C-alpha atoms as a PDB file:
ATOM      1  CA  MET A   1       0.077   0.091  -0.268  1.00  0.00           C
ATOM      2  CA  LEU A   2       2.731   2.358   0.934  1.00  0.00           C
ATOM      3  CA  CYS A   3       4.114   1.842  -2.558  1.00  0.00           C
ATOM      4  CA  GLY A   4       0.962   2.607  -3.941  1.00  0.00           C
ATOM      5  CA  VAL A   5       1.010   6.221  -1.975  1.00  0.00           C
ATOM      6  CA  LEU A   6       4.432   6.730  -3.234  1.00  0.00           C
ATOM      7  CA  VAL A   7       3.458   6.154  -7.186  1.00  0.00           C
ATOM      8  CA  GLY A   8      -0.104   7.682  -6.910  1.00  0.00           C
ATOM      9  CA  SER A   9       1.540  11.200  -5.222  1.00  0.00           C
ATOM     10  CA  CYS A  10       4.676  11.337  -7.636  1.00  0.00           C
ATOM     11  CA  LEU A  11       1.711  10.690 -10.504  1.00  0.00           C
ATOM     12  CA  GLY A  12      -0.790  13.436  -8.616  1.00  0.00           C
ATOM     13  CA  HIS A  13       1.760  16.406  -9.244  1.00  0.00           C
ATOM     14  CA  ARG A  14       1.750  15.674 -12.847  1.00  0.00           C
ATOM     15  CA  LEU A  15      -1.668  16.038 -13.445  1.00  0.00           C
ATOM     16  CA  PRO A  16      -4.339  18.726 -13.902  1.00  0.00           C
ATOM     17  CA  ARG A  17      -6.625  19.696 -11.025  1.00  0.00           C
ATOM     18  CA  ASP A  18      -9.766  19.073 -13.428  1.00  0.00           C
ATOM     19  CA  LEU A  19      -8.338  15.540 -13.915  1.00  0.00           C
ATOM     20  CA  ARG A  20      -8.023  14.873 -10.545  1.00  0.00           C
ATOM     21  CA  ASP A  21     -11.393  15.667 -10.245  1.00  0.00           C
ATOM     22  CA  GLN A  22     -12.398  13.548 -12.325  1.00  0.00           C
ATOM     23  CA  ALA A  23      -9.941  10.468 -11.789  1.00  0.00           C
ATOM     24  CA  ARG A  24     -11.803  11.692  -7.835  1.00  0.00           C
ATOM     25  CA  GLY A  25     -15.296  10.455  -9.704  1.00  0.00           C
ATOM     26  CA  TRP A  26     -13.932   7.309 -11.360  1.00  0.00           C
ATOM     27  CA  LEU A  27     -12.695   6.415  -8.520  1.00  0.00           C
ATOM     28  CA  GLY A  28     -16.118   6.899  -6.261  1.00  0.00           C
ATOM     29  CA  LEU A  29     -17.765   5.024  -9.042  1.00  0.00           C
ATOM     30  CA  VAL A  30     -15.283   1.690  -8.614  1.00  0.00           C
ATOM     31  CA  THR A  31     -15.497   2.090  -5.232  1.00  0.00           C
ATOM     32  CA  LEU A  32     -19.814   2.234  -5.573  1.00  0.00           C
ATOM     33  CA  VAL A  33     -18.910  -1.099  -7.591  1.00  0.00           C
ATOM     34  CA  ILE A  34     -16.730  -2.549  -5.159  1.00  0.00           C
ATOM     35  CA  GLY A  35     -19.940  -1.904  -1.985  1.00  0.00           C
ATOM     36  CA  LEU A  36     -22.439  -3.662  -4.128  1.00  0.00           C
ATOM     37  CA  ARG A  37     -20.723  -6.615  -5.186  1.00  0.00           C
ATOM     38  CA  MET A  38     -19.569  -6.755  -1.183  1.00  0.00           C
ATOM     39  CA  ALA A  39     -23.293  -6.560   0.175  1.00  0.00           C
ATOM     40  CA  ILE A  40     -25.336  -8.248  -2.794  1.00  0.00           C
ATOM     41  CA  GLY A  41     -22.769 -11.483  -2.824  1.00  0.00           C
ATOM     42  CA  ALA A  42     -22.842 -11.329   0.989  1.00  0.00           C
ATOM     43  CA  ALA A  43     -26.595 -11.188   1.427  1.00  0.00           C
ATOM     44  CA  GLU A  44     -27.406 -13.744  -0.914  1.00  0.00           C
ATOM     45  CA  ASP A  45     -25.253 -16.478   1.004  1.00  0.00           C
ATOM     46  CA  VAL A  46     -26.615 -16.015   4.077  1.00  0.00           C
ATOM     47  CA  SER A  47     -29.101 -16.997   5.808  1.00  0.00           C
ATOM     48  CA  LEU A  48     -30.313 -16.193   9.472  1.00  0.00           C
ATOM     49  CA  SER A  49     -32.998 -17.286  11.581  1.00  0.00           C
ATOM     50  CA  ALA A  50     -35.006 -16.725  14.813  1.00  0.00           C
ATOM     51  CA  ALA A  51     -37.860 -18.509  16.383  1.00  0.00           C
ATOM     52  CA  GLY A  52     -38.380 -20.703  13.383  1.00  0.00           C
ATOM     53  CA  LEU A  53     -38.365 -17.798  11.363  1.00  0.00           C
ATOM     54  CA  ALA A  54     -36.309 -16.350   8.860  1.00  0.00           C
ATOM     55  CA  ILE A  55     -34.522 -13.353   9.290  1.00  0.00           C
ATOM     56  CA  PRO A  56     -34.337 -11.046   6.026  1.00  0.00           C
ATOM     57  CA  ALA A  57     -30.656  -9.969   6.131  1.00  0.00           C
ATOM     58  CA  GLU A  58     -31.455  -6.524   4.631  1.00  0.00           C
ATOM     59  CA  LEU A  59     -33.446  -5.651   7.873  1.00  0.00           C
ATOM     60  CA  LEU A  60     -30.694  -6.922  10.524  1.00  0.00           C
ATOM     61  CA  THR A  61     -27.907  -4.777   8.271  1.00  0.00           C
ATOM     62  CA  LEU A  62     -30.896  -1.905   8.589  1.00  0.00           C
ATOM     63  CA  LEU A  63     -31.054  -2.701  12.347  1.00  0.00           C
ATOM     64  CA  SER A  64     -27.621  -2.268  12.434  1.00  0.00           C
ATOM     65  CA  LEU A  65     -26.760   0.840  10.282  1.00  0.00           C
ATOM     66  CA  VAL A  66     -29.817   2.997  11.967  1.00  0.00           C
ATOM     67  CA  ALA A  67     -28.113   1.655  15.531  1.00  0.00           C
ATOM     68  CA  GLY A  68     -24.469   1.758  14.677  1.00  0.00           C
ATOM     69  CA  ALA A  69     -24.914   5.620  13.577  1.00  0.00           C
ATOM     70  CA  ALA A  70     -26.564   6.585  16.329  1.00  0.00           C
ATOM     71  CA  LEU A  71     -24.481   5.270  18.789  1.00  0.00           C
ATOM     72  CA  GLY A  72     -20.917   7.050  16.758  1.00  0.00           C
ATOM     73  CA  HIS A  73     -23.577  10.212  16.861  1.00  0.00           C
ATOM     74  CA  ARG A  74     -23.804   9.920  20.713  1.00  0.00           C
ATOM     75  CA  LEU A  75     -20.030   9.401  20.699  1.00  0.00           C
ATOM     76  CA  ARG A  76     -19.063  12.047  18.503  1.00  0.00           C
ATOM     77  CA  LEU A  77     -16.613   9.980  16.500  1.00  0.00           C
ATOM     78  CA  ALA A  78     -16.847  12.011  13.682  1.00  0.00           C
ATOM     79  CA  ARG A  79     -16.430  15.034  15.465  1.00  0.00           C
ATOM     80  CA  ARG A  80     -13.786  13.384  17.328  1.00  0.00           C
ATOM     81  CA  LEU A  81     -11.735  12.167  14.528  1.00  0.00           C
ATOM     82  CA  GLU A  82     -11.743  14.965  12.886  1.00  0.00           C
ATOM     83  CA  GLN A  83     -10.497  16.650  15.841  1.00  0.00           C
ATOM     84  CA  TRP A  84      -7.649  14.683  16.293  1.00  0.00           C
ATOM     85  CA  LEU A  85      -6.719  14.967  12.453  1.00  0.00           C
ATOM     86  CA  GLN A  86      -7.143  18.259  11.798  1.00  0.00           C
ATOM     87  CA  PRO A  87      -3.765  19.049  13.084  1.00  0.00           C
ATOM     88  CA  MET A  88      -2.278  16.247  10.936  1.00  0.00           C
ATOM     89  CA  THR A  89      -3.420  16.753   7.914  1.00  0.00           C
ATOM     90  CA  ALA A  90      -3.112  20.661   7.890  1.00  0.00           C
ATOM     91  CA  ALA A  91       0.434  20.033   8.418  1.00  0.00           C
ATOM     92  CA  LEU A  92       0.890  17.737   5.630  1.00  0.00           C
ATOM     93  CA  GLN A  93      -1.267  19.068   3.127  1.00  0.00           C
ATOM     94  CA  GLY A  94       1.061  22.837   3.856  1.00  0.00           C
ATOM     95  CA  PRO A  95      -0.361  26.033   1.903  1.00  0.00           C
ATOM     96  CA  ARG A  96       0.388  24.792  -1.085  1.00  0.00           C
ATOM     97  CA  SER A  97      -1.214  21.406  -1.487  1.00  0.00           C
ATOM     98  CA  SER A  98      -1.781  20.279  -5.217  1.00  0.00           C
ATOM     99  CA  ALA A  99      -4.156  17.517  -4.488  1.00  0.00           C
ATOM    100  CA  THR A 100      -7.536  18.235  -3.525  1.00  0.00           C
ATOM    101  CA  ALA A 101      -8.451  18.609   0.380  1.00  0.00           C
ATOM    102  CA  LEU A 102      -8.371  14.971   1.891  1.00  0.00           C
ATOM    103  CA  ASP A 103     -11.400  15.828   5.015  1.00  0.00           C
ATOM    104  CA  PRO A 104     -11.060  13.791   8.143  1.00  0.00           C
ATOM    105  CA  GLY A 105     -14.410  12.192   7.267  1.00  0.00           C
ATOM    106  CA  LEU A 106     -12.831  10.649   3.714  1.00  0.00           C
ATOM    107  CA  LEU A 107     -10.089   9.705   5.300  1.00  0.00           C
ATOM    108  CA  SER A 108     -11.852   6.952   8.027  1.00  0.00           C
ATOM    109  CA  GLY A 109     -13.875   6.400   5.159  1.00  0.00           C
ATOM    110  CA  THR A 110     -10.726   5.032   3.027  1.00  0.00           C
ATOM    111  CA  PHE A 111      -9.980   3.204   6.402  1.00  0.00           C
ATOM    112  CA  VAL A 112     -12.678   1.522   5.748  1.00  0.00           C
ATOM    113  CA  LEU A 113     -12.654   0.937   2.019  1.00  0.00           C
ATOM    114  CA  PHE A 114      -9.331  -0.866   3.169  1.00  0.00           C
ATOM    115  CA  CYS A 115     -10.152  -2.903   6.153  1.00  0.00           C
ATOM    116  CA  VAL A 116     -13.730  -3.881   5.556  1.00  0.00           C
ATOM    117  CA  GLY A 117     -14.468  -7.149   4.226  1.00  0.00           C
ATOM    118  CA  PRO A 118     -13.902 -10.829   3.967  1.00  0.00           C
ATOM    119  CA  LEU A 119     -10.425 -10.508   2.435  1.00  0.00           C
ATOM    120  CA  THR A 120      -9.074  -9.032   5.440  1.00  0.00           C
ATOM    121  CA  LEU A 121     -10.551 -11.268   8.030  1.00  0.00           C
ATOM    122  CA  LEU A 122     -10.675 -14.841   6.270  1.00  0.00           C
ATOM    123  CA  GLY A 123      -6.531 -13.381   5.188  1.00  0.00           C
ATOM    124  CA  CYS A 124      -5.413 -12.387   8.782  1.00  0.00           C
ATOM    125  CA  LEU A 125      -7.170 -15.992  10.015  1.00  0.00           C
ATOM    126  CA  ARG A 126      -5.341 -18.152   7.252  1.00  0.00           C
ATOM    127  CA  ASN A 127      -2.328 -16.724   7.679  1.00  0.00           C
ATOM    128  CA  ALA A 128      -2.224 -16.528  11.770  1.00  0.00           C
ATOM    129  CA  LEU A 129      -3.826 -20.550  11.861  1.00  0.00           C
ATOM    130  CA  LEU A 130      -2.559 -22.239   8.758  1.00  0.00           C
ATOM    131  CA  ALA A 131       0.398 -20.296   8.090  1.00  0.00           C
ATOM    132  CA  SER A 132      -1.245 -19.245   4.542  1.00  0.00           C
ATOM    133  CA  PRO A 133      -0.394 -15.693   3.327  1.00  0.00           C
ATOM    134  CA  ASP A 134      -2.650 -15.843   0.048  1.00  0.00           C
ATOM    135  CA  LEU A 135      -5.734 -14.056   0.573  1.00  0.00           C
ATOM    136  CA  LEU A 136      -3.330 -11.434   2.357  1.00  0.00           C
ATOM    137  CA  LEU A 137      -0.908 -10.843  -0.706  1.00  0.00           C
ATOM    138  CA  VAL A 138      -4.353 -10.845  -2.983  1.00  0.00           C
ATOM    139  CA  LYS A 139      -5.934  -8.259  -0.618  1.00  0.00           C
ATOM    140  CA  GLY A 140      -2.304  -6.289  -0.591  1.00  0.00           C
ATOM    141  CA  SER A 141      -2.244  -5.957  -4.192  1.00  0.00           C
ATOM    142  CA  MET A 142      -5.698  -4.735  -4.815  1.00  0.00           C
ATOM    143  CA  ASP A 143      -5.071  -2.573  -1.697  1.00  0.00           C
ATOM    144  CA  GLY A 144      -1.943  -0.659  -4.074  1.00  0.00           C
ATOM    145  CA  LEU A 145      -3.835  -0.315  -7.068  1.00  0.00           C
ATOM    146  CA  THR A 146      -6.276   1.637  -5.239  1.00  0.00           C
ATOM    147  CA  ALA A 147      -3.638   3.486  -2.852  1.00  0.00           C
ATOM    148  CA  VAL A 148      -2.421   4.737  -6.255  1.00  0.00           C
ATOM    149  CA  LEU A 149      -5.290   6.141  -7.546  1.00  0.00           C
ATOM    150  CA  LEU A 150      -6.366   7.927  -4.293  1.00  0.00           C
ATOM    151  CA  SER A 151      -3.132   9.298  -3.326  1.00  0.00           C
ATOM    152  CA  ALA A 152      -3.152  10.781  -7.127  1.00  0.00           C
ATOM    153  CA  THR A 153      -6.123  12.523  -5.696  1.00  0.00           C
ATOM    154  CA  TYR A 154      -5.048  13.646  -2.527  1.00  0.00           C
ATOM    155  CA  GLY A 155      -1.601  13.166  -2.089  1.00  0.00           C
ATOM    156  CA  PRO A 156       0.272  11.516   0.528  1.00  0.00           C
ATOM    157  CA  LEU A 157      -2.230  11.581   3.022  1.00  0.00           C
ATOM    158  CA  VAL A 158      -3.596   8.679   2.347  1.00  0.00           C
ATOM    159  CA  ALA A 159      -0.453   7.579   4.039  1.00  0.00           C
ATOM    160  CA  LEU A 160      -2.525   8.076   7.270  1.00  0.00           C
ATOM    161  CA  VAL A 161      -4.562   4.920   6.987  1.00  0.00           C
ATOM    162  CA  VAL A 162      -1.932   2.482   7.123  1.00  0.00           C
ATOM    163  CA  VAL A 163      -1.446   2.667  11.062  1.00  0.00           C
ATOM    164  CA  PRO A 164      -4.596   1.859  11.398  1.00  0.00           C
ATOM    165  CA  LEU A 165      -4.945  -0.552   9.098  1.00  0.00           C
ATOM    166  CA  LEU A 166      -1.812  -2.631  10.750  1.00  0.00           C
ATOM    167  CA  LEU A 167      -3.187  -2.398  13.752  1.00  0.00           C
ATOM    168  CA  PHE A 168      -6.395  -3.499  12.743  1.00  0.00           C
ATOM    169  CA  GLN A 169      -4.900  -6.448  11.259  1.00  0.00           C
ATOM    170  CA  LEU A 170      -2.257  -7.571  13.268  1.00  0.00           C
ATOM    171  CA  GLY A 171      -5.144  -7.458  15.837  1.00  0.00           C
ATOM    172  CA  ILE A 172      -7.023 -10.105  14.523  1.00  0.00           C
ATOM    173  CA  SER A 173      -4.544 -12.418  13.718  1.00  0.00           C
ATOM    174  CA  SER A 174      -3.277 -11.805  17.389  1.00  0.00           C
ATOM    175  CA  LEU A 175      -7.197 -12.425  18.633  1.00  0.00           C
ATOM    176  CA  ALA A 176      -6.959 -16.014  16.555  1.00  0.00           C
ATOM    177  CA  LEU A 177      -3.679 -17.331  17.593  1.00  0.00           C
ATOM    178  CA  LEU A 178      -5.240 -16.098  20.936  1.00  0.00           C
ATOM    179  CA  PHE A 179      -8.459 -18.379  20.495  1.00  0.00           C
ATOM    180  CA  HIS A 180      -7.564 -20.536  18.484  1.00  0.00           C
ATOM    181  CA  GLY A 181      -9.369 -23.064  19.027  1.00  0.00           C
ATOM    182  CA  ALA A 182     -12.317 -21.354  18.989  1.00  0.00           C
ATOM    183  CA  VAL A 183     -11.755 -19.745  15.861  1.00  0.00           C
ATOM    184  CA  ILE A 184     -13.179 -21.061  12.725  1.00  0.00           C
ATOM    185  CA  ALA A 185     -12.122 -19.453   9.154  1.00  0.00           C
ATOM    186  CA  ASP A 186     -15.545 -20.621   6.896  1.00  0.00           C
ATOM    187  CA  PRO A 187     -16.809 -18.000   4.623  1.00  0.00           C
ATOM    188  CA  SER A 188     -19.957 -19.183   4.303  1.00  0.00           C
ATOM    189  CA  ASP A 189     -20.062 -18.558   8.359  1.00  0.00           C
ATOM    190  CA  PRO A 190     -23.390 -15.996   8.941  1.00  0.00           C
ATOM    191  CA  THR A 191     -21.565 -13.875  11.207  1.00  0.00           C
ATOM    192  CA  LEU A 192     -18.982 -13.221   8.528  1.00  0.00           C
ATOM    193  CA  LEU A 193     -21.475 -12.952   5.707  1.00  0.00           C
ATOM    194  CA  ILE A 194     -23.736 -10.292   7.558  1.00  0.00           C
ATOM    195  CA  SER A 195     -20.950  -8.300   8.628  1.00  0.00           C
ATOM    196  CA  THR A 196     -19.791  -8.144   4.897  1.00  0.00           C
ATOM    197  CA  VAL A 197     -23.365  -7.194   4.179  1.00  0.00           C
ATOM    198  CA  VAL A 198     -23.213  -4.178   6.601  1.00  0.00           C
ATOM    199  CA  GLY A 199     -19.158  -3.454   5.422  1.00  0.00           C
ATOM    200  CA  GLY A 200     -20.349  -3.006   2.109  1.00  0.00           C
ATOM    201  CA  VAL A 201     -22.992  -0.775   1.912  1.00  0.00           C
ATOM    202  CA  LEU A 202     -20.480   1.488   4.348  1.00  0.00           C
ATOM    203  CA  VAL A 203     -18.373   1.375   1.614  1.00  0.00           C
ATOM    204  CA  VAL A 204     -21.263   2.418  -0.954  1.00  0.00           C
ATOM    205  CA  GLY A 205     -21.311   5.193   1.352  1.00  0.00           C
ATOM    206  CA  LEU A 206     -17.866   6.010   1.071  1.00  0.00           C
ATOM    207  CA  ALA A 207     -18.344   6.134  -2.975  1.00  0.00           C
ATOM    208  CA  PHE A 208     -21.319   8.511  -2.659  1.00  0.00           C
ATOM    209  CA  GLN A 209     -18.485  10.984  -0.387  1.00  0.00           C
ATOM    210  CA  LEU A 210     -15.851  10.000  -2.874  1.00  0.00           C
ATOM    211  CA  ALA A 211     -17.960  11.264  -5.899  1.00  0.00           C
ATOM    212  CA  GLY A 212     -19.435  14.458  -3.962  1.00  0.00           C
ATOM    213  CA  LEU A 213     -22.556  12.870  -3.772  1.00  0.00           C
ATOM    214  CA  PRO A 214     -25.236  13.208  -0.433  1.00  0.00           C
ATOM    215  CA  HIS A 215     -23.905  10.770   2.087  1.00  0.00           C
ATOM    216  CA  PRO A 216     -24.609   9.706   5.341  1.00  0.00           C
ATOM    217  CA  ALA A 217     -21.618   9.369   7.909  1.00  0.00           C
ATOM    218  CA  VAL A 218     -19.909   6.840   7.283  1.00  0.00           C
ATOM    219  CA  THR A 219     -17.208   7.522  10.485  1.00  0.00           C
ATOM    220  CA  ASP A 220     -20.676   7.668  13.007  1.00  0.00           C
ATOM    221  CA  ALA A 221     -21.790   3.731  11.541  1.00  0.00           C
ATOM    222  CA  LEU A 222     -18.507   2.952  12.266  1.00  0.00           C
ATOM    223  CA  PRO A 223     -19.890   0.924  15.592  1.00  0.00           C
ATOM    224  CA  SER A 224     -22.244  -0.831  13.455  1.00  0.00           C
ATOM    225  CA  LEU A 225     -19.778  -3.382  12.029  1.00  0.00           C
ATOM    226  CA  LEU A 226     -19.603  -4.349  16.349  1.00  0.00           C
ATOM    227  CA  LEU A 227     -23.733  -4.434  16.701  1.00  0.00           C
ATOM    228  CA  VAL A 228     -24.179  -6.808  13.352  1.00  0.00           C
ATOM    229  CA  VAL A 229     -22.019  -9.490  15.033  1.00  0.00           C
ATOM    230  CA  LEU A 230     -24.001  -8.935  18.608  1.00  0.00           C
ATOM    231  CA  PHE A 231     -27.604  -9.040  16.486  1.00  0.00           C
ATOM    232  CA  THR A 232     -26.362 -12.222  14.837  1.00  0.00           C
ATOM    233  CA  HIS A 233     -25.112 -14.153  17.988  1.00  0.00           C
ATOM    234  CA  LEU A 234     -28.761 -12.888  19.640  1.00  0.00           C
ATOM    235  CA  LEU A 235     -30.590 -14.180  17.277  1.00  0.00           C
ATOM    236  CA  ALA A 236     -29.056 -17.647  16.989  1.00  0.00           C
ATOM    237  CA  LEU A 237     -29.674 -17.922  20.658  1.00  0.00           C
ATOM    238  CA  LEU A 238     -33.222 -17.677  20.264  1.00  0.00           C
END
């Protein structure tokens, strides 16, 4: 990913502003495709039930997103993140940055794009439990190409995502090693599938943000990724 940021940053300085704006729009559309593929593909495979009744994946997704957004708004996640990142973004961009300004909300949304999805979770689990880095290598290649497009538009600020991304993946791998017997890297697990659906919808929200269209607050809705796991386990107990 860092290599992608370096290539994109060098490329971005040579692109006129209107072309960078077009690249941002196209990146938004490609991100939309990624989010839709994640959400629709996983929603078709997931099967949820409670008390003998089938629960639509869309209903649980909506419940998780609304509850997660309410919790995130209550905790003021977007505002706190903006206050934390603003000094760094201002210092890195400088007064004469040639790249389009990258607001903190978009930066946190970019973290969702890199971290949310089955490749991240399954890749970390396979690497930790089976010593097989194959999925992580595939994901790393995709992240590198995405980083080229992002950094060509916004400059080297995209590299700030590397730190939380590293901590996120190390955390998953460490938990997998700690609970070796309890973790099952099963692609058809309902919890993984419904989490992918929620993550896909968040990525769609990020796509609208990249394209400059009206969108919900992706940062405030991040708790939905945890709440959907809780709701799925509660349904399994009914």
